[in-house]
């Protein structure tokens, strides 16, 4: 599943790739992870990204891999659309620290409007890029839909659409291809798949109690 096929996530049921790594001949990569979250609801995941703040809170999400958290351009009232999450994280015990700028976007900018509004859930969408270099690596989405048992998160990283974080600058294709080759290694892709599976497992465990304690909302 490529980024151009993202509206397939709006369909009921499951897709061919729900957990794993798919490489394409042009150097693009899709990384997928599926997390079932008993006793959680999509609204809790949306709240989490609006509530999540500094490093101490970030470490709740993955005590080993998460190292540092800060924000840019964040609005008040828990609105994270348009904000940039600045993070340092590992992708496993032996991983170097990756320094990332994650630029969150309104899901209506990503998905078909009517199709998205018809889904019983929420999508957390962003452009994922480097904090050390002004380059974005591609797109990411945590697509959460409610279920009888709680909710489930279908994570997608669509990497390979390399572009400058400066909207006025266009990178030549040979440079973009070189960045793809250097950055999207097997170690990175497998590490990210493992990390996404683990961190969303942590979130599934902590979120139901944390959400109710802080918001006072006990509805399901």
C-alpha atoms as a PDB file:
ATOM      1  CA  UNK A   1       0.000   0.000   0.000  1.00  0.00           C
ATOM      2  CA  UNK A   2       1.502   3.289  -1.131  1.00  0.00           C
ATOM      3  CA  UNK A   3       0.628   6.771   0.074  1.00  0.00           C
ATOM      4  CA  UNK A   4      -1.425   7.321  -3.063  1.00  0.00           C
ATOM      5  CA  UNK A   5      -3.685   4.456  -1.926  1.00  0.00           C
ATOM      6  CA  UNK A   6      -4.208   5.862   1.583  1.00  0.00           C
ATOM      7  CA  UNK A   7      -7.994   6.148   1.204  1.00  0.00           C
ATOM      8  CA  UNK A   8      -8.089   2.350   1.266  1.00  0.00           C
ATOM      9  CA  UNK A   9      -7.726   2.707   5.045  1.00  0.00           C
ATOM     10  CA  UNK A  10     -11.240   4.164   5.081  1.00  0.00           C
ATOM     11  CA  UNK A  11     -12.722   0.880   3.880  1.00  0.00           C
ATOM     12  CA  UNK A  12     -14.075  -1.709   6.338  1.00  0.00           C
ATOM     13  CA  UNK A  13     -12.080  -4.835   6.995  1.00  0.00           C
ATOM     14  CA  UNK A  14      -8.338  -5.240   6.600  1.00  0.00           C
ATOM     15  CA  UNK A  15      -5.802  -4.718   3.845  1.00  0.00           C
ATOM     16  CA  UNK A  16      -3.206  -7.116   2.498  1.00  0.00           C
ATOM     17  CA  UNK A  17      -0.438  -5.498   4.559  1.00  0.00           C
ATOM     18  CA  UNK A  18      -1.428  -4.702   8.149  1.00  0.00           C
ATOM     19  CA  UNK A  19       1.901  -5.473   9.824  1.00  0.00           C
ATOM     20  CA  UNK A  20       5.261  -5.655   8.097  1.00  0.00           C
ATOM     21  CA  UNK A  21       7.479  -3.908   5.560  1.00  0.00           C
ATOM     22  CA  UNK A  22       6.887  -3.482   1.824  1.00  0.00           C
ATOM     23  CA  UNK A  23       9.673  -2.181  -0.433  1.00  0.00           C
ATOM     24  CA  UNK A  24       9.105  -0.845  -3.946  1.00  0.00           C
ATOM     25  CA  UNK A  25      11.368  -0.717  -6.979  1.00  0.00           C
ATOM     26  CA  UNK A  26      11.643   3.086  -6.844  1.00  0.00           C
ATOM     27  CA  UNK A  27      13.139   3.017  -3.333  1.00  0.00           C
ATOM     28  CA  UNK A  28       9.940   3.887  -1.479  1.00  0.00           C
ATOM     29  CA  UNK A  29       8.970   1.848   1.591  1.00  0.00           C
ATOM     30  CA  UNK A  30       5.726   1.227   3.475  1.00  0.00           C
ATOM     31  CA  UNK A  31       5.975   0.122   7.109  1.00  0.00           C
ATOM     32  CA  UNK A  32       2.753  -1.069   8.751  1.00  0.00           C
ATOM     33  CA  UNK A  33       1.885  -2.031  12.327  1.00  0.00           C
ATOM     34  CA  UNK A  34      -1.397  -3.188  13.850  1.00  0.00           C
ATOM     35  CA  UNK A  35      -2.127  -2.658  17.548  1.00  0.00           C
ATOM     36  CA  UNK A  36      -5.301  -3.810  19.256  1.00  0.00           C
ATOM     37  CA  UNK A  37      -6.154  -1.570  22.209  1.00  0.00           C
ATOM     38  CA  UNK A  38      -8.706  -3.135  24.606  1.00  0.00           C
ATOM     39  CA  UNK A  39     -10.751  -0.680  26.711  1.00  0.00           C
ATOM     40  CA  UNK A  40      -9.434   2.274  24.672  1.00  0.00           C
ATOM     41  CA  UNK A  41     -11.404   4.479  22.295  1.00  0.00           C
ATOM     42  CA  UNK A  42     -10.257   6.539  19.336  1.00  0.00           C
ATOM     43  CA  UNK A  43     -11.075   9.733  21.236  1.00  0.00           C
ATOM     44  CA  UNK A  44      -8.472   8.737  23.853  1.00  0.00           C
ATOM     45  CA  UNK A  45      -5.732   8.465  21.224  1.00  0.00           C
ATOM     46  CA  UNK A  46      -6.676  11.873  19.838  1.00  0.00           C
ATOM     47  CA  UNK A  47      -6.571  13.289  23.378  1.00  0.00           C
ATOM     48  CA  UNK A  48      -3.157  11.683  24.006  1.00  0.00           C
ATOM     49  CA  UNK A  49      -1.473  13.571  21.173  1.00  0.00           C
ATOM     50  CA  UNK A  50      -2.979  16.837  22.418  1.00  0.00           C
ATOM     51  CA  UNK A  51      -1.957  16.158  26.026  1.00  0.00           C
ATOM     52  CA  UNK A  52       1.523  14.735  25.404  1.00  0.00           C
ATOM     53  CA  UNK A  53       4.137  17.249  26.468  1.00  0.00           C
ATOM     54  CA  UNK A  54       7.766  17.008  27.556  1.00  0.00           C
ATOM     55  CA  UNK A  55      10.240  14.209  28.091  1.00  0.00           C
ATOM     56  CA  UNK A  56       8.711  12.729  31.258  1.00  0.00           C
ATOM     57  CA  UNK A  57       5.367  12.176  29.536  1.00  0.00           C
ATOM     58  CA  UNK A  58       7.081  10.969  26.367  1.00  0.00           C
ATOM     59  CA  UNK A  59       8.924   8.272  28.334  1.00  0.00           C
ATOM     60  CA  UNK A  60       5.593   6.848  29.513  1.00  0.00           C
ATOM     61  CA  UNK A  61       5.034   5.915  25.879  1.00  0.00           C
ATOM     62  CA  UNK A  62       8.256   3.872  25.611  1.00  0.00           C
ATOM     63  CA  UNK A  63      10.597   3.982  28.648  1.00  0.00           C
ATOM     64  CA  UNK A  64      13.596   2.554  26.787  1.00  0.00           C
ATOM     65  CA  UNK A  65      13.422   4.097  23.319  1.00  0.00           C
ATOM     66  CA  UNK A  66      12.044   7.575  24.048  1.00  0.00           C
ATOM     67  CA  UNK A  67      14.750  10.031  25.072  1.00  0.00           C
ATOM     68  CA  UNK A  68      13.526  13.620  24.595  1.00  0.00           C
ATOM     69  CA  UNK A  69      10.350  15.520  23.679  1.00  0.00           C
ATOM     70  CA  UNK A  70       9.510  19.146  22.927  1.00  0.00           C
ATOM     71  CA  UNK A  71       7.098  21.038  20.645  1.00  0.00           C
ATOM     72  CA  UNK A  72       7.021  23.910  18.153  1.00  0.00           C
ATOM     73  CA  UNK A  73       4.003  25.927  16.973  1.00  0.00           C
ATOM     74  CA  UNK A  74       1.581  24.198  19.300  1.00  0.00           C
ATOM     75  CA  UNK A  75      -1.802  25.784  19.902  1.00  0.00           C
ATOM     76  CA  UNK A  76      -3.781  25.882  23.114  1.00  0.00           C
ATOM     77  CA  UNK A  77      -6.517  23.523  24.211  1.00  0.00           C
ATOM     78  CA  UNK A  78      -4.894  20.294  23.061  1.00  0.00           C
ATOM     79  CA  UNK A  79      -4.885  21.130  19.346  1.00  0.00           C
ATOM     80  CA  UNK A  80      -1.837  19.483  17.794  1.00  0.00           C
ATOM     81  CA  UNK A  81      -2.761  20.079  14.117  1.00  0.00           C
ATOM     82  CA  UNK A  82       0.024  22.137  12.572  1.00  0.00           C
ATOM     83  CA  UNK A  83       2.344  21.578  15.535  1.00  0.00           C
ATOM     84  CA  UNK A  84       5.790  20.020  15.218  1.00  0.00           C
ATOM     85  CA  UNK A  85       6.824  17.367  17.726  1.00  0.00           C
ATOM     86  CA  UNK A  86      10.593  17.431  18.269  1.00  0.00           C
ATOM     87  CA  UNK A  87      11.789  14.068  19.520  1.00  0.00           C
ATOM     88  CA  UNK A  88      14.896  12.023  20.138  1.00  0.00           C
ATOM     89  CA  UNK A  89      14.295   8.284  20.090  1.00  0.00           C
ATOM     90  CA  UNK A  90      15.998   4.937  19.653  1.00  0.00           C
ATOM     91  CA  UNK A  91      14.688   2.046  17.585  1.00  0.00           C
ATOM     92  CA  UNK A  92      15.852  -0.722  19.906  1.00  0.00           C
ATOM     93  CA  UNK A  93      18.686  -1.362  22.355  1.00  0.00           C
ATOM     94  CA  UNK A  94      21.538  -1.086  19.839  1.00  0.00           C
ATOM     95  CA  UNK A  95      20.050   1.753  17.787  1.00  0.00           C
ATOM     96  CA  UNK A  96      21.582   5.202  17.489  1.00  0.00           C
ATOM     97  CA  UNK A  97      19.433   8.109  18.624  1.00  0.00           C
ATOM     98  CA  UNK A  98      17.259   9.474  15.818  1.00  0.00           C
ATOM     99  CA  UNK A  99      16.351  13.153  16.083  1.00  0.00           C
ATOM    100  CA  UNK A 100      13.035  13.828  14.391  1.00  0.00           C
ATOM    101  CA  UNK A 101      10.660  16.677  13.567  1.00  0.00           C
ATOM    102  CA  UNK A 102       7.110  15.335  13.197  1.00  0.00           C
ATOM    103  CA  UNK A 103       4.748  17.884  11.630  1.00  0.00           C
ATOM    104  CA  UNK A 104       1.142  17.001  12.451  1.00  0.00           C
ATOM    105  CA  UNK A 105      -1.609  17.722   9.942  1.00  0.00           C
ATOM    106  CA  UNK A 106      -5.382  17.786   9.874  1.00  0.00           C
ATOM    107  CA  UNK A 107      -6.525  14.358   8.555  1.00  0.00           C
ATOM    108  CA  UNK A 108      -8.940  16.156   6.202  1.00  0.00           C
ATOM    109  CA  UNK A 109      -5.821  17.294   4.314  1.00  0.00           C
ATOM    110  CA  UNK A 110      -4.859  13.646   3.808  1.00  0.00           C
ATOM    111  CA  UNK A 111      -8.041  11.625   3.304  1.00  0.00           C
ATOM    112  CA  UNK A 112     -11.228  11.973   1.298  1.00  0.00           C
ATOM    113  CA  UNK A 113     -13.382  14.305   3.417  1.00  0.00           C
ATOM    114  CA  UNK A 114     -16.678  12.434   3.255  1.00  0.00           C
ATOM    115  CA  UNK A 115     -15.052   9.026   3.633  1.00  0.00           C
ATOM    116  CA  UNK A 116     -13.047  10.119   6.648  1.00  0.00           C
ATOM    117  CA  UNK A 117     -16.029  11.728   8.377  1.00  0.00           C
ATOM    118  CA  UNK A 118     -17.975   8.483   7.984  1.00  0.00           C
ATOM    119  CA  UNK A 119     -15.387   6.449   9.904  1.00  0.00           C
ATOM    120  CA  UNK A 120     -16.007   5.708  13.585  1.00  0.00           C
ATOM    121  CA  UNK A 121     -12.516   6.687  14.587  1.00  0.00           C
ATOM    122  CA  UNK A 122      -9.725   9.180  14.147  1.00  0.00           C
ATOM    123  CA  UNK A 123      -6.528   9.460  12.122  1.00  0.00           C
ATOM    124  CA  UNK A 124      -3.391  11.075  13.531  1.00  0.00           C
ATOM    125  CA  UNK A 125      -1.438  12.251  10.475  1.00  0.00           C
ATOM    126  CA  UNK A 126       1.972  13.871  10.062  1.00  0.00           C
ATOM    127  CA  UNK A 127       4.969  14.500   7.874  1.00  0.00           C
ATOM    128  CA  UNK A 128       8.026  12.808   9.390  1.00  0.00           C
ATOM    129  CA  UNK A 129      11.412  14.429   8.966  1.00  0.00           C
ATOM    130  CA  UNK A 130      14.797  15.142  10.440  1.00  0.00           C
ATOM    131  CA  UNK A 131      15.437  17.529  13.327  1.00  0.00           C
ATOM    132  CA  UNK A 132      19.080  17.965  12.285  1.00  0.00           C
ATOM    133  CA  UNK A 133      18.588  18.459   8.534  1.00  0.00           C
ATOM    134  CA  UNK A 134      15.741  20.390   6.846  1.00  0.00           C
ATOM    135  CA  UNK A 135      14.400  17.288   5.079  1.00  0.00           C
ATOM    136  CA  UNK A 136      11.167  15.318   5.401  1.00  0.00           C
ATOM    137  CA  UNK A 137      11.277  11.578   4.739  1.00  0.00           C
ATOM    138  CA  UNK A 138       7.620  10.963   3.945  1.00  0.00           C
ATOM    139  CA  UNK A 139       4.211  10.578   5.553  1.00  0.00           C
ATOM    140  CA  UNK A 140       2.880   8.774   8.608  1.00  0.00           C
ATOM    141  CA  UNK A 141      -0.547   7.982   9.999  1.00  0.00           C
ATOM    142  CA  UNK A 142      -1.984   6.275  13.063  1.00  0.00           C
ATOM    143  CA  UNK A 143      -5.439   5.293  11.845  1.00  0.00           C
ATOM    144  CA  UNK A 144      -7.603   4.381  14.850  1.00  0.00           C
ATOM    145  CA  UNK A 145     -11.066   2.874  14.575  1.00  0.00           C
ATOM    146  CA  UNK A 146     -13.409   1.879  17.368  1.00  0.00           C
ATOM    147  CA  UNK A 147     -14.298  -1.767  17.867  1.00  0.00           C
ATOM    148  CA  UNK A 148     -16.492  -3.805  20.211  1.00  0.00           C
ATOM    149  CA  UNK A 149     -13.524  -4.467  22.516  1.00  0.00           C
ATOM    150  CA  UNK A 150     -12.102  -0.919  22.427  1.00  0.00           C
ATOM    151  CA  UNK A 151     -10.212   0.263  19.359  1.00  0.00           C
ATOM    152  CA  UNK A 152      -7.410  -0.745  17.045  1.00  0.00           C
ATOM    153  CA  UNK A 153      -4.597   1.309  15.590  1.00  0.00           C
ATOM    154  CA  UNK A 154      -3.382   0.716  12.038  1.00  0.00           C
ATOM    155  CA  UNK A 155      -0.076   2.571  11.755  1.00  0.00           C
ATOM    156  CA  UNK A 156       1.453   3.434   8.387  1.00  0.00           C
ATOM    157  CA  UNK A 157       4.804   4.996   7.541  1.00  0.00           C
ATOM    158  CA  UNK A 158       5.021   5.885   3.858  1.00  0.00           C
ATOM    159  CA  UNK A 159       8.681   6.767   3.360  1.00  0.00           C
ATOM    160  CA  UNK A 160      10.507   7.885   0.232  1.00  0.00           C
ATOM    161  CA  UNK A 161       8.697  11.131  -0.638  1.00  0.00           C
ATOM    162  CA  UNK A 162      11.769  13.197   0.219  1.00  0.00           C
ATOM    163  CA  UNK A 163      11.385  16.956   0.200  1.00  0.00           C
ATOM    164  CA  UNK A 164      12.757  20.054   1.877  1.00  0.00           C
ATOM    165  CA  UNK A 165      11.110  21.374   5.018  1.00  0.00           C
ATOM    166  CA  UNK A 166      11.396  24.775   3.317  1.00  0.00           C
ATOM    167  CA  UNK A 167       8.279  24.968   1.081  1.00  0.00           C
ATOM    168  CA  UNK A 168      10.137  27.220  -1.350  1.00  0.00           C
ATOM    169  CA  UNK A 169      12.938  24.753  -2.059  1.00  0.00           C
ATOM    170  CA  UNK A 170      12.757  21.786  -4.440  1.00  0.00           C
ATOM    171  CA  UNK A 171      15.284  18.980  -4.094  1.00  0.00           C
ATOM    172  CA  UNK A 172      16.619  17.396  -7.311  1.00  0.00           C
ATOM    173  CA  UNK A 173      15.625  13.781  -7.853  1.00  0.00           C
ATOM    174  CA  UNK A 174      19.201  12.462  -7.708  1.00  0.00           C
ATOM    175  CA  UNK A 175      19.569  13.978  -4.222  1.00  0.00           C
ATOM    176  CA  UNK A 176      16.217  12.540  -3.139  1.00  0.00           C
ATOM    177  CA  UNK A 177      17.197   9.090  -4.414  1.00  0.00           C
ATOM    178  CA  UNK A 178      20.485   9.280  -2.525  1.00  0.00           C
ATOM    179  CA  UNK A 179      18.708  10.174   0.715  1.00  0.00           C
ATOM    180  CA  UNK A 180      16.277   7.270   0.244  1.00  0.00           C
ATOM    181  CA  UNK A 181      19.132   4.829  -0.281  1.00  0.00           C
ATOM    182  CA  UNK A 182      21.125   6.083   2.713  1.00  0.00           C
ATOM    183  CA  UNK A 183      18.247   6.442   5.186  1.00  0.00           C
ATOM    184  CA  UNK A 184      15.798   3.622   4.449  1.00  0.00           C
ATOM    185  CA  UNK A 185      18.085   0.726   5.324  1.00  0.00           C
ATOM    186  CA  UNK A 186      16.834  -2.687   6.397  1.00  0.00           C
ATOM    187  CA  UNK A 187      18.026  -2.008   9.952  1.00  0.00           C
ATOM    188  CA  UNK A 188      16.084   1.254  10.109  1.00  0.00           C
ATOM    189  CA  UNK A 189      12.888  -0.199   8.667  1.00  0.00           C
ATOM    190  CA  UNK A 190      12.894  -3.278  10.886  1.00  0.00           C
ATOM    191  CA  UNK A 191      13.781  -1.157  13.910  1.00  0.00           C
ATOM    192  CA  UNK A 192      10.923   1.245  13.216  1.00  0.00           C
ATOM    193  CA  UNK A 193       8.459  -1.611  12.769  1.00  0.00           C
ATOM    194  CA  UNK A 194       9.493  -3.079  16.119  1.00  0.00           C
ATOM    195  CA  UNK A 195       9.436   0.323  17.814  1.00  0.00           C
ATOM    196  CA  UNK A 196       5.960   1.191  16.529  1.00  0.00           C
ATOM    197  CA  UNK A 197       4.618  -2.164  17.700  1.00  0.00           C
ATOM    198  CA  UNK A 198       6.144  -1.728  21.144  1.00  0.00           C
ATOM    199  CA  UNK A 199       5.262   1.911  21.769  1.00  0.00           C
ATOM    200  CA  UNK A 200       1.624   1.449  20.804  1.00  0.00           C
ATOM    201  CA  UNK A 201       1.493  -1.581  23.081  1.00  0.00           C
ATOM    202  CA  UNK A 202       2.674   0.623  25.943  1.00  0.00           C
ATOM    203  CA  UNK A 203       0.049   3.202  24.990  1.00  0.00           C
ATOM    204  CA  UNK A 204      -2.717   0.609  24.925  1.00  0.00           C
ATOM    205  CA  UNK A 205      -1.821  -0.389  28.492  1.00  0.00           C
ATOM    206  CA  UNK A 206      -1.608   3.074  30.039  1.00  0.00           C
ATOM    207  CA  UNK A 207      -4.207   5.071  28.127  1.00  0.00           C
ATOM    208  CA  UNK A 208      -7.571   3.914  29.536  1.00  0.00           C
ATOM    209  CA  UNK A 209      -6.693   4.770  33.159  1.00  0.00           C
ATOM    210  CA  UNK A 210      -4.643   7.884  32.337  1.00  0.00           C
ATOM    211  CA  UNK A 211      -7.374   9.348  30.137  1.00  0.00           C
ATOM    212  CA  UNK A 212     -10.078   8.883  32.762  1.00  0.00           C
ATOM    213  CA  UNK A 213      -7.890  10.175  35.606  1.00  0.00           C
ATOM    214  CA  UNK A 214      -7.027  13.416  33.817  1.00  0.00           C
ATOM    215  CA  UNK A 215     -10.199  14.162  31.856  1.00  0.00           C
ATOM    216  CA  UNK A 216     -12.794  12.732  34.232  1.00  0.00           C
ATOM    217  CA  UNK A 217     -14.550  11.208  31.211  1.00  0.00           C
ATOM    218  CA  UNK A 218     -15.605   7.654  32.093  1.00  0.00           C
ATOM    219  CA  UNK A 219     -17.792   7.129  29.011  1.00  0.00           C
ATOM    220  CA  UNK A 220     -16.887   4.365  26.562  1.00  0.00           C
END
